[in-house]
Amino acid sequence: MSARLQPKTTNQVRAIFGLARKNGLDEELLHDTVESVTKRTRSIAALTFREAEAIIAHLKGDSFTPTPRRTVQHRRMRAGINQVVQQGQLELIASLASQRHWSAETLEKFCRRQCGHFPLRTTSDANKVIEALKSMNKREGLWAA
């Protein structure tokens, strides 16, 4: 589908109404603005992507670019939700410990010293252990950053 005929996005409609409210436009003035910019319709529902972008530029002064979507993990972290340790993290910990020729008991004791418990439960626990092992291995020349 060409960009000219692509339908408007929900974020564009939200931006149009938000900017109209911010600029003090009532519904009638907003529809007059839509008609003067598009030269074809007064309806916000009938807008194309480019027409909606032009209206936003008219109301705002520059083009509308939606903010990039964040990852699920980032949103969970921002919300304060602890995430369960991942298998990849456990494998990295085992690999870093094997570079030091540690036994399972030694690694368990190290994890208890770092986090206060074993087995590791959250990604933040695993990250503490990983970063500590990386630092130790780097100091001794066992691991290159």
N, C-alpha and C. Protein backbone atom coordinates (compact mmCIF):
# COMPACT_ATOMS: atom_id res chain seq x y z
N MET A 1 0.85 -1.17 0.00
CA MET A 1 0.00 0.00 0.00
C MET A 1 0.90 1.24 0.00
N SER A 2 0.60 2.17 -0.88
CA SER A 2 1.44 3.36 -0.96
C SER A 2 1.22 4.24 0.26
N ALA A 3 2.23 5.04 0.57
CA ALA A 3 2.15 5.91 1.75
C ALA A 3 1.04 6.94 1.58
N ARG A 4 0.72 7.27 0.34
CA ARG A 4 -0.32 8.26 0.07
C ARG A 4 -1.69 7.75 0.52
N LEU A 5 -1.96 6.45 0.33
CA LEU A 5 -3.26 5.89 0.64
C LEU A 5 -3.30 5.15 1.98
N GLN A 6 -2.18 5.07 2.66
CA GLN A 6 -2.11 4.38 3.94
C GLN A 6 -3.03 5.08 4.95
N PRO A 7 -3.80 4.32 5.73
CA PRO A 7 -4.70 4.96 6.70
C PRO A 7 -3.93 5.59 7.85
N LYS A 8 -4.57 6.55 8.47
CA LYS A 8 -3.94 7.22 9.62
C LYS A 8 -3.80 6.23 10.76
N THR A 9 -2.92 6.54 11.71
CA THR A 9 -2.73 5.67 12.87
C THR A 9 -3.50 6.23 14.07
N THR A 10 -3.71 5.38 15.03
CA THR A 10 -4.38 5.80 16.26
C THR A 10 -3.57 6.88 16.96
N ASN A 11 -2.25 6.74 16.93
CA ASN A 11 -1.40 7.75 17.57
C ASN A 11 -1.52 9.10 16.88
N GLN A 12 -1.71 9.09 15.58
CA GLN A 12 -1.89 10.36 14.87
C GLN A 12 -3.20 11.02 15.30
N VAL A 13 -4.27 10.25 15.40
CA VAL A 13 -5.56 10.81 15.82
C VAL A 13 -5.46 11.38 17.23
N ARG A 14 -4.78 10.64 18.10
CA ARG A 14 -4.59 11.13 19.47
C ARG A 14 -3.80 12.44 19.47
N ALA A 15 -2.77 12.50 18.62
CA ALA A 15 -1.96 13.71 18.54
C ALA A 15 -2.79 14.88 18.02
N ILE A 16 -3.64 14.63 17.04
CA ILE A 16 -4.49 15.70 16.49
C ILE A 16 -5.40 16.25 17.58
N PHE A 17 -6.10 15.38 18.29
CA PHE A 17 -7.01 15.85 19.33
C PHE A 17 -6.26 16.50 20.49
N GLY A 18 -5.10 15.96 20.84
CA GLY A 18 -4.30 16.55 21.91
C GLY A 18 -3.81 17.94 21.55
N LEU A 19 -3.33 18.10 20.33
CA LEU A 19 -2.85 19.41 19.88
C LEU A 19 -3.99 20.40 19.74
N ALA A 20 -5.15 19.92 19.30
CA ALA A 20 -6.31 20.80 19.20
C ALA A 20 -6.70 21.32 20.58
N ARG A 21 -6.71 20.42 21.57
CA ARG A 21 -7.03 20.82 22.93
C ARG A 21 -5.99 21.82 23.45
N LYS A 22 -4.72 21.51 23.17
CA LYS A 22 -3.62 22.37 23.64
C LYS A 22 -3.71 23.77 23.02
N ASN A 23 -4.13 23.82 21.74
CA ASN A 23 -4.23 25.10 21.04
C ASN A 23 -5.57 25.80 21.27
N GLY A 24 -6.46 25.17 22.06
CA GLY A 24 -7.74 25.79 22.38
C GLY A 24 -8.76 25.72 21.27
N LEU A 25 -8.64 24.75 20.36
CA LEU A 25 -9.60 24.61 19.27
C LEU A 25 -10.79 23.77 19.73
N ASP A 26 -11.99 24.28 19.46
CA ASP A 26 -13.16 23.45 19.72
C ASP A 26 -13.38 22.53 18.52
N GLU A 27 -14.41 21.71 18.59
CA GLU A 27 -14.64 20.70 17.55
C GLU A 27 -14.85 21.35 16.17
N GLU A 28 -15.60 22.43 16.13
CA GLU A 28 -15.89 23.11 14.85
C GLU A 28 -14.62 23.69 14.24
N LEU A 29 -13.82 24.35 15.05
CA LEU A 29 -12.57 24.91 14.54
C LEU A 29 -11.59 23.82 14.10
N LEU A 30 -11.57 22.70 14.80
CA LEU A 30 -10.71 21.59 14.41
C LEU A 30 -11.11 21.06 13.04
N HIS A 31 -12.41 20.88 12.83
CA HIS A 31 -12.87 20.37 11.53
C HIS A 31 -12.64 21.40 10.41
N ASP A 32 -12.74 22.69 10.74
CA ASP A 32 -12.40 23.73 9.75
C ASP A 32 -10.93 23.64 9.38
N THR A 33 -10.07 23.40 10.37
CA THR A 33 -8.64 23.26 10.14
C THR A 33 -8.36 22.05 9.25
N VAL A 34 -9.04 20.93 9.55
CA VAL A 34 -8.87 19.71 8.74
C VAL A 34 -9.23 19.99 7.29
N GLU A 35 -10.35 20.70 7.09
CA GLU A 35 -10.78 21.00 5.73
C GLU A 35 -9.82 21.95 5.02
N SER A 36 -9.30 22.94 5.73
CA SER A 36 -8.38 23.88 5.08
C SER A 36 -7.04 23.23 4.74
N VAL A 37 -6.60 22.27 5.53
CA VAL A 37 -5.33 21.61 5.26
C VAL A 37 -5.48 20.54 4.17
N THR A 38 -6.54 19.73 4.24
CA THR A 38 -6.69 18.62 3.29
C THR A 38 -7.31 19.05 1.97
N LYS A 39 -8.11 20.07 1.99
CA LYS A 39 -8.83 20.57 0.80
C LYS A 39 -9.78 19.52 0.22
N ARG A 40 -10.15 18.48 1.05
CA ARG A 40 -11.07 17.48 0.51
C ARG A 40 -12.11 17.02 1.53
N THR A 41 -11.83 17.06 2.81
CA THR A 41 -12.77 16.54 3.80
C THR A 41 -12.65 17.29 5.11
N ARG A 42 -13.76 17.25 5.89
CA ARG A 42 -13.75 17.80 7.24
C ARG A 42 -13.64 16.70 8.27
N SER A 43 -13.73 15.46 7.83
CA SER A 43 -13.78 14.31 8.72
C SER A 43 -12.38 13.83 9.10
N ILE A 44 -12.14 13.69 10.40
CA ILE A 44 -10.87 13.14 10.87
C ILE A 44 -10.82 11.64 10.59
N ALA A 45 -11.97 11.00 10.60
CA ALA A 45 -12.03 9.56 10.33
C ALA A 45 -11.63 9.23 8.89
N ALA A 46 -11.81 10.16 7.97
CA ALA A 46 -11.52 9.89 6.56
C ALA A 46 -10.10 10.27 6.15
N LEU A 47 -9.27 10.65 7.10
CA LEU A 47 -7.91 11.10 6.77
C LEU A 47 -7.01 9.94 6.36
N THR A 48 -6.05 10.25 5.50
CA THR A 48 -4.98 9.30 5.19
C THR A 48 -3.80 9.62 6.10
N PHE A 49 -2.79 8.77 6.06
CA PHE A 49 -1.61 8.95 6.89
C PHE A 49 -0.95 10.31 6.61
N ARG A 50 -0.76 10.60 5.35
CA ARG A 50 -0.09 11.87 4.98
C ARG A 50 -0.93 13.08 5.36
N GLU A 51 -2.25 12.99 5.18
CA GLU A 51 -3.10 14.11 5.56
C GLU A 51 -3.05 14.33 7.07
N ALA A 52 -3.08 13.25 7.84
CA ALA A 52 -3.00 13.38 9.29
C ALA A 52 -1.66 14.00 9.69
N GLU A 53 -0.60 13.59 9.01
CA GLU A 53 0.71 14.16 9.30
C GLU A 53 0.75 15.66 8.98
N ALA A 54 0.10 16.04 7.90
CA ALA A 54 0.05 17.46 7.52
C ALA A 54 -0.74 18.27 8.55
N ILE A 55 -1.82 17.71 9.06
CA ILE A 55 -2.62 18.41 10.08
C ILE A 55 -1.81 18.56 11.36
N ILE A 56 -1.11 17.51 11.75
CA ILE A 56 -0.26 17.58 12.94
C ILE A 56 0.82 18.64 12.77
N ALA A 57 1.44 18.64 11.59
CA ALA A 57 2.47 19.65 11.32
C ALA A 57 1.88 21.05 11.39
N HIS A 58 0.66 21.20 10.89
CA HIS A 58 0.00 22.51 10.93
C HIS A 58 -0.29 22.93 12.37
N LEU A 59 -0.77 21.99 13.18
CA LEU A 59 -1.11 22.30 14.57
C LEU A 59 0.12 22.43 15.47
N LYS A 60 1.13 21.64 15.16
CA LYS A 60 2.30 21.56 16.03
C LYS A 60 3.48 22.37 15.51
N GLY A 61 3.64 22.37 14.22
CA GLY A 61 4.77 23.07 13.63
C GLY A 61 5.82 22.14 13.09
N ASP A 62 5.75 20.82 13.37
CA ASP A 62 6.69 19.87 12.79
C ASP A 62 6.00 18.52 12.60
N SER A 63 6.67 17.61 11.98
CA SER A 63 6.10 16.31 11.63
C SER A 63 5.91 15.42 12.85
N PHE A 64 4.94 14.55 12.78
CA PHE A 64 4.65 13.61 13.86
C PHE A 64 5.52 12.37 13.69
N THR A 65 6.28 12.05 14.71
CA THR A 65 7.03 10.81 14.71
C THR A 65 6.73 10.11 16.03
N PRO A 66 6.13 8.93 15.96
CA PRO A 66 5.80 8.23 17.20
C PRO A 66 7.06 7.81 17.94
N THR A 67 6.97 7.77 19.26
CA THR A 67 8.12 7.34 20.05
C THR A 67 8.36 5.85 19.83
N PRO A 68 9.61 5.42 19.84
CA PRO A 68 9.88 4.00 19.60
C PRO A 68 9.31 3.15 20.72
N ARG A 69 8.90 1.96 20.36
CA ARG A 69 8.35 1.05 21.35
C ARG A 69 9.45 0.47 22.21
N ARG A 70 9.19 0.37 23.49
CA ARG A 70 10.16 -0.21 24.41
C ARG A 70 9.95 -1.71 24.48
N THR A 71 10.96 -2.39 24.90
CA THR A 71 10.86 -3.84 25.02
C THR A 71 10.02 -4.21 26.22
N VAL A 72 9.50 -5.39 26.21
CA VAL A 72 8.70 -5.88 27.33
C VAL A 72 9.53 -5.87 28.60
N GLN A 73 10.80 -6.28 28.49
CA GLN A 73 11.64 -6.32 29.68
C GLN A 73 11.84 -4.92 30.26
N HIS A 74 12.01 -3.93 29.40
CA HIS A 74 12.21 -2.57 29.88
C HIS A 74 10.96 -2.07 30.61
N ARG A 75 9.80 -2.34 30.04
CA ARG A 75 8.56 -1.92 30.69
C ARG A 75 8.38 -2.60 32.03
N ARG A 76 8.71 -3.87 32.09
CA ARG A 76 8.59 -4.59 33.37
C ARG A 76 9.56 -4.03 34.39
N MET A 77 10.78 -3.72 33.95
CA MET A 77 11.77 -3.16 34.86
C MET A 77 11.30 -1.81 35.40
N ARG A 78 10.76 -0.96 34.52
CA ARG A 78 10.27 0.34 34.95
C ARG A 78 9.11 0.22 35.92
N ALA A 79 8.32 -0.84 35.76
CA ALA A 79 7.18 -1.05 36.65
C ALA A 79 7.59 -1.69 37.97
N GLY A 80 8.86 -2.08 38.07
CA GLY A 80 9.34 -2.68 39.31
C GLY A 80 9.04 -4.16 39.43
N ILE A 81 8.78 -4.80 38.31
CA ILE A 81 8.46 -6.23 38.33
C ILE A 81 9.76 -7.01 38.23
N ASN A 82 10.02 -7.89 39.18
CA ASN A 82 11.20 -8.74 39.13
C ASN A 82 10.98 -9.84 38.11
N GLN A 83 11.99 -10.11 37.31
CA GLN A 83 11.88 -11.15 36.30
C GLN A 83 12.68 -12.38 36.71
N VAL A 84 12.18 -13.51 36.34
CA VAL A 84 12.82 -14.77 36.67
C VAL A 84 14.12 -14.89 35.88
N VAL A 85 15.13 -15.46 36.54
CA VAL A 85 16.43 -15.63 35.91
C VAL A 85 16.27 -16.45 34.62
N GLN A 86 17.01 -16.07 33.58
CA GLN A 86 16.92 -16.73 32.28
C GLN A 86 17.98 -17.82 32.14
N GLN A 87 17.67 -18.80 31.34
CA GLN A 87 18.60 -19.91 31.12
C GLN A 87 19.92 -19.42 30.54
N GLY A 88 19.88 -18.45 29.66
CA GLY A 88 21.11 -17.89 29.08
C GLY A 88 22.02 -17.28 30.13
N GLN A 89 21.43 -16.65 31.14
CA GLN A 89 22.22 -16.07 32.22
C GLN A 89 22.89 -17.17 33.04
N LEU A 90 22.14 -18.23 33.32
CA LEU A 90 22.71 -19.34 34.08
C LEU A 90 23.85 -20.00 33.31
N GLU A 91 23.69 -20.12 31.99
CA GLU A 91 24.76 -20.69 31.17
C GLU A 91 25.99 -19.80 31.16
N LEU A 92 25.79 -18.49 31.10
CA LEU A 92 26.92 -17.56 31.13
C LEU A 92 27.64 -17.64 32.47
N ILE A 93 26.90 -17.74 33.56
CA ILE A 93 27.51 -17.87 34.89
C ILE A 93 28.34 -19.14 34.95
N ALA A 94 27.79 -20.24 34.45
CA ALA A 94 28.52 -21.50 34.46
C ALA A 94 29.79 -21.40 33.61
N SER A 95 29.70 -20.73 32.48
CA SER A 95 30.87 -20.57 31.60
C SER A 95 31.94 -19.72 32.28
N LEU A 96 31.54 -18.62 32.90
CA LEU A 96 32.50 -17.75 33.58
C LEU A 96 33.14 -18.47 34.76
N ALA A 97 32.36 -19.26 35.48
CA ALA A 97 32.90 -20.01 36.62
C ALA A 97 33.85 -21.10 36.15
N SER A 98 33.55 -21.72 35.01
CA SER A 98 34.43 -22.78 34.50
C SER A 98 35.78 -22.22 34.06
N GLN A 99 35.80 -20.95 33.63
CA GLN A 99 37.08 -20.32 33.29
C GLN A 99 37.97 -20.20 34.52
N ARG A 100 37.35 -20.14 35.68
CA ARG A 100 38.10 -20.05 36.94
C ARG A 100 38.36 -21.44 37.52
N HIS A 101 37.86 -22.48 36.85
CA HIS A 101 37.99 -23.87 37.30
C HIS A 101 37.32 -24.07 38.65
N TRP A 102 36.12 -23.47 38.82
CA TRP A 102 35.37 -23.59 40.05
C TRP A 102 34.48 -24.83 40.01
N SER A 103 34.31 -25.45 41.16
CA SER A 103 33.38 -26.56 41.29
C SER A 103 31.97 -25.98 41.50
N ALA A 104 30.98 -26.85 41.46
CA ALA A 104 29.60 -26.43 41.69
C ALA A 104 29.43 -25.85 43.10
N GLU A 105 30.13 -26.46 44.08
CA GLU A 105 30.02 -25.96 45.46
C GLU A 105 30.62 -24.57 45.59
N THR A 106 31.75 -24.34 44.93
CA THR A 106 32.39 -23.02 44.99
C THR A 106 31.48 -21.96 44.37
N LEU A 107 30.89 -22.30 43.23
CA LEU A 107 29.97 -21.35 42.58
C LEU A 107 28.76 -21.08 43.47
N GLU A 108 28.24 -22.11 44.11
CA GLU A 108 27.09 -21.94 45.00
C GLU A 108 27.45 -21.00 46.16
N LYS A 109 28.62 -21.20 46.77
CA LYS A 109 29.05 -20.34 47.87
C LYS A 109 29.23 -18.90 47.40
N PHE A 110 29.79 -18.74 46.20
CA PHE A 110 29.98 -17.40 45.65
C PHE A 110 28.62 -16.71 45.44
N CYS A 111 27.64 -17.43 44.90
CA CYS A 111 26.31 -16.86 44.68
C CYS A 111 25.67 -16.47 46.01
N ARG A 112 25.84 -17.30 47.03
CA ARG A 112 25.30 -16.97 48.35
C ARG A 112 25.94 -15.69 48.89
N ARG A 113 27.25 -15.53 48.68
CA ARG A 113 27.92 -14.31 49.15
C ARG A 113 27.43 -13.08 48.38
N GLN A 114 27.19 -13.22 47.09
CA GLN A 114 26.78 -12.09 46.27
C GLN A 114 25.33 -11.69 46.50
N CYS A 115 24.44 -12.69 46.61
CA CYS A 115 23.00 -12.41 46.63
C CYS A 115 22.32 -12.78 47.94
N GLY A 116 22.99 -13.60 48.76
CA GLY A 116 22.38 -14.01 50.01
C GLY A 116 21.57 -15.29 49.91
N HIS A 117 21.47 -15.86 48.72
CA HIS A 117 20.70 -17.10 48.56
C HIS A 117 21.16 -17.84 47.31
N PHE A 118 20.80 -19.09 47.26
CA PHE A 118 21.05 -19.93 46.09
C PHE A 118 19.93 -20.94 46.02
N PRO A 119 19.36 -21.24 44.91
CA PRO A 119 19.70 -20.81 43.56
C PRO A 119 19.26 -19.37 43.29
N LEU A 120 19.81 -18.80 42.21
CA LEU A 120 19.46 -17.44 41.82
C LEU A 120 18.01 -17.41 41.37
N ARG A 121 17.33 -16.33 41.72
CA ARG A 121 15.89 -16.25 41.42
C ARG A 121 15.55 -15.23 40.34
N THR A 122 16.17 -14.08 40.39
CA THR A 122 15.79 -13.00 39.47
C THR A 122 16.96 -12.64 38.55
N THR A 123 16.61 -11.89 37.51
CA THR A 123 17.65 -11.45 36.57
C THR A 123 18.63 -10.50 37.26
N SER A 124 18.15 -9.72 38.21
CA SER A 124 19.08 -8.81 38.90
C SER A 124 20.08 -9.60 39.74
N ASP A 125 19.65 -10.71 40.36
CA ASP A 125 20.58 -11.57 41.09
C ASP A 125 21.64 -12.12 40.13
N ALA A 126 21.18 -12.62 38.99
CA ALA A 126 22.10 -13.20 38.01
C ALA A 126 23.07 -12.14 37.50
N ASN A 127 22.58 -10.93 37.26
CA ASN A 127 23.45 -9.87 36.76
C ASN A 127 24.54 -9.52 37.77
N LYS A 128 24.21 -9.53 39.06
CA LYS A 128 25.23 -9.27 40.09
C LYS A 128 26.35 -10.30 40.02
N VAL A 129 25.96 -11.55 39.91
CA VAL A 129 26.95 -12.63 39.86
C VAL A 129 27.76 -12.55 38.56
N ILE A 130 27.08 -12.32 37.45
CA ILE A 130 27.77 -12.23 36.15
C ILE A 130 28.81 -11.11 36.17
N GLU A 131 28.41 -9.94 36.61
CA GLU A 131 29.33 -8.80 36.60
C GLU A 131 30.50 -9.03 37.55
N ALA A 132 30.25 -9.65 38.69
CA ALA A 132 31.34 -9.95 39.62
C ALA A 132 32.32 -10.95 39.00
N LEU A 133 31.79 -11.99 38.37
CA LEU A 133 32.66 -12.99 37.73
C LEU A 133 33.44 -12.38 36.57
N LYS A 134 32.79 -11.55 35.79
CA LYS A 134 33.49 -10.91 34.66
C LYS A 134 34.64 -10.04 35.17
N SER A 135 34.39 -9.27 36.23
CA SER A 135 35.44 -8.42 36.79
C SER A 135 36.60 -9.24 37.31
N MET A 136 36.29 -10.32 38.03
CA MET A 136 37.35 -11.17 38.57
C MET A 136 38.16 -11.82 37.45
N ASN A 137 37.48 -12.32 36.45
CA ASN A 137 38.16 -12.97 35.33
C ASN A 137 38.99 -11.96 34.54
N LYS A 138 38.48 -10.76 34.38
CA LYS A 138 39.21 -9.73 33.63
C LYS A 138 40.48 -9.33 34.38
N ARG A 139 40.37 -9.18 35.70
CA ARG A 139 41.55 -8.82 36.50
C ARG A 139 42.66 -9.86 36.37
N GLU A 140 42.25 -11.12 36.28
CA GLU A 140 43.23 -12.21 36.20
C GLU A 140 43.55 -12.61 34.76
N GLY A 141 43.01 -11.87 33.80
CA GLY A 141 43.34 -12.13 32.40
C GLY A 141 42.65 -13.37 31.83
N LEU A 142 41.56 -13.82 32.46
CA LEU A 142 40.87 -15.01 31.99
C LEU A 142 39.75 -14.69 31.01
N TRP A 143 39.32 -13.43 31.00
CA TRP A 143 38.18 -13.07 30.15
C TRP A 143 38.44 -11.71 29.54
N ALA A 144 38.22 -11.59 28.23
CA ALA A 144 38.41 -10.30 27.54
C ALA A 144 37.05 -9.63 27.39
N ALA A 145 36.97 -8.35 27.73
CA ALA A 145 35.69 -7.61 27.66
C ALA A 145 35.28 -7.33 26.27
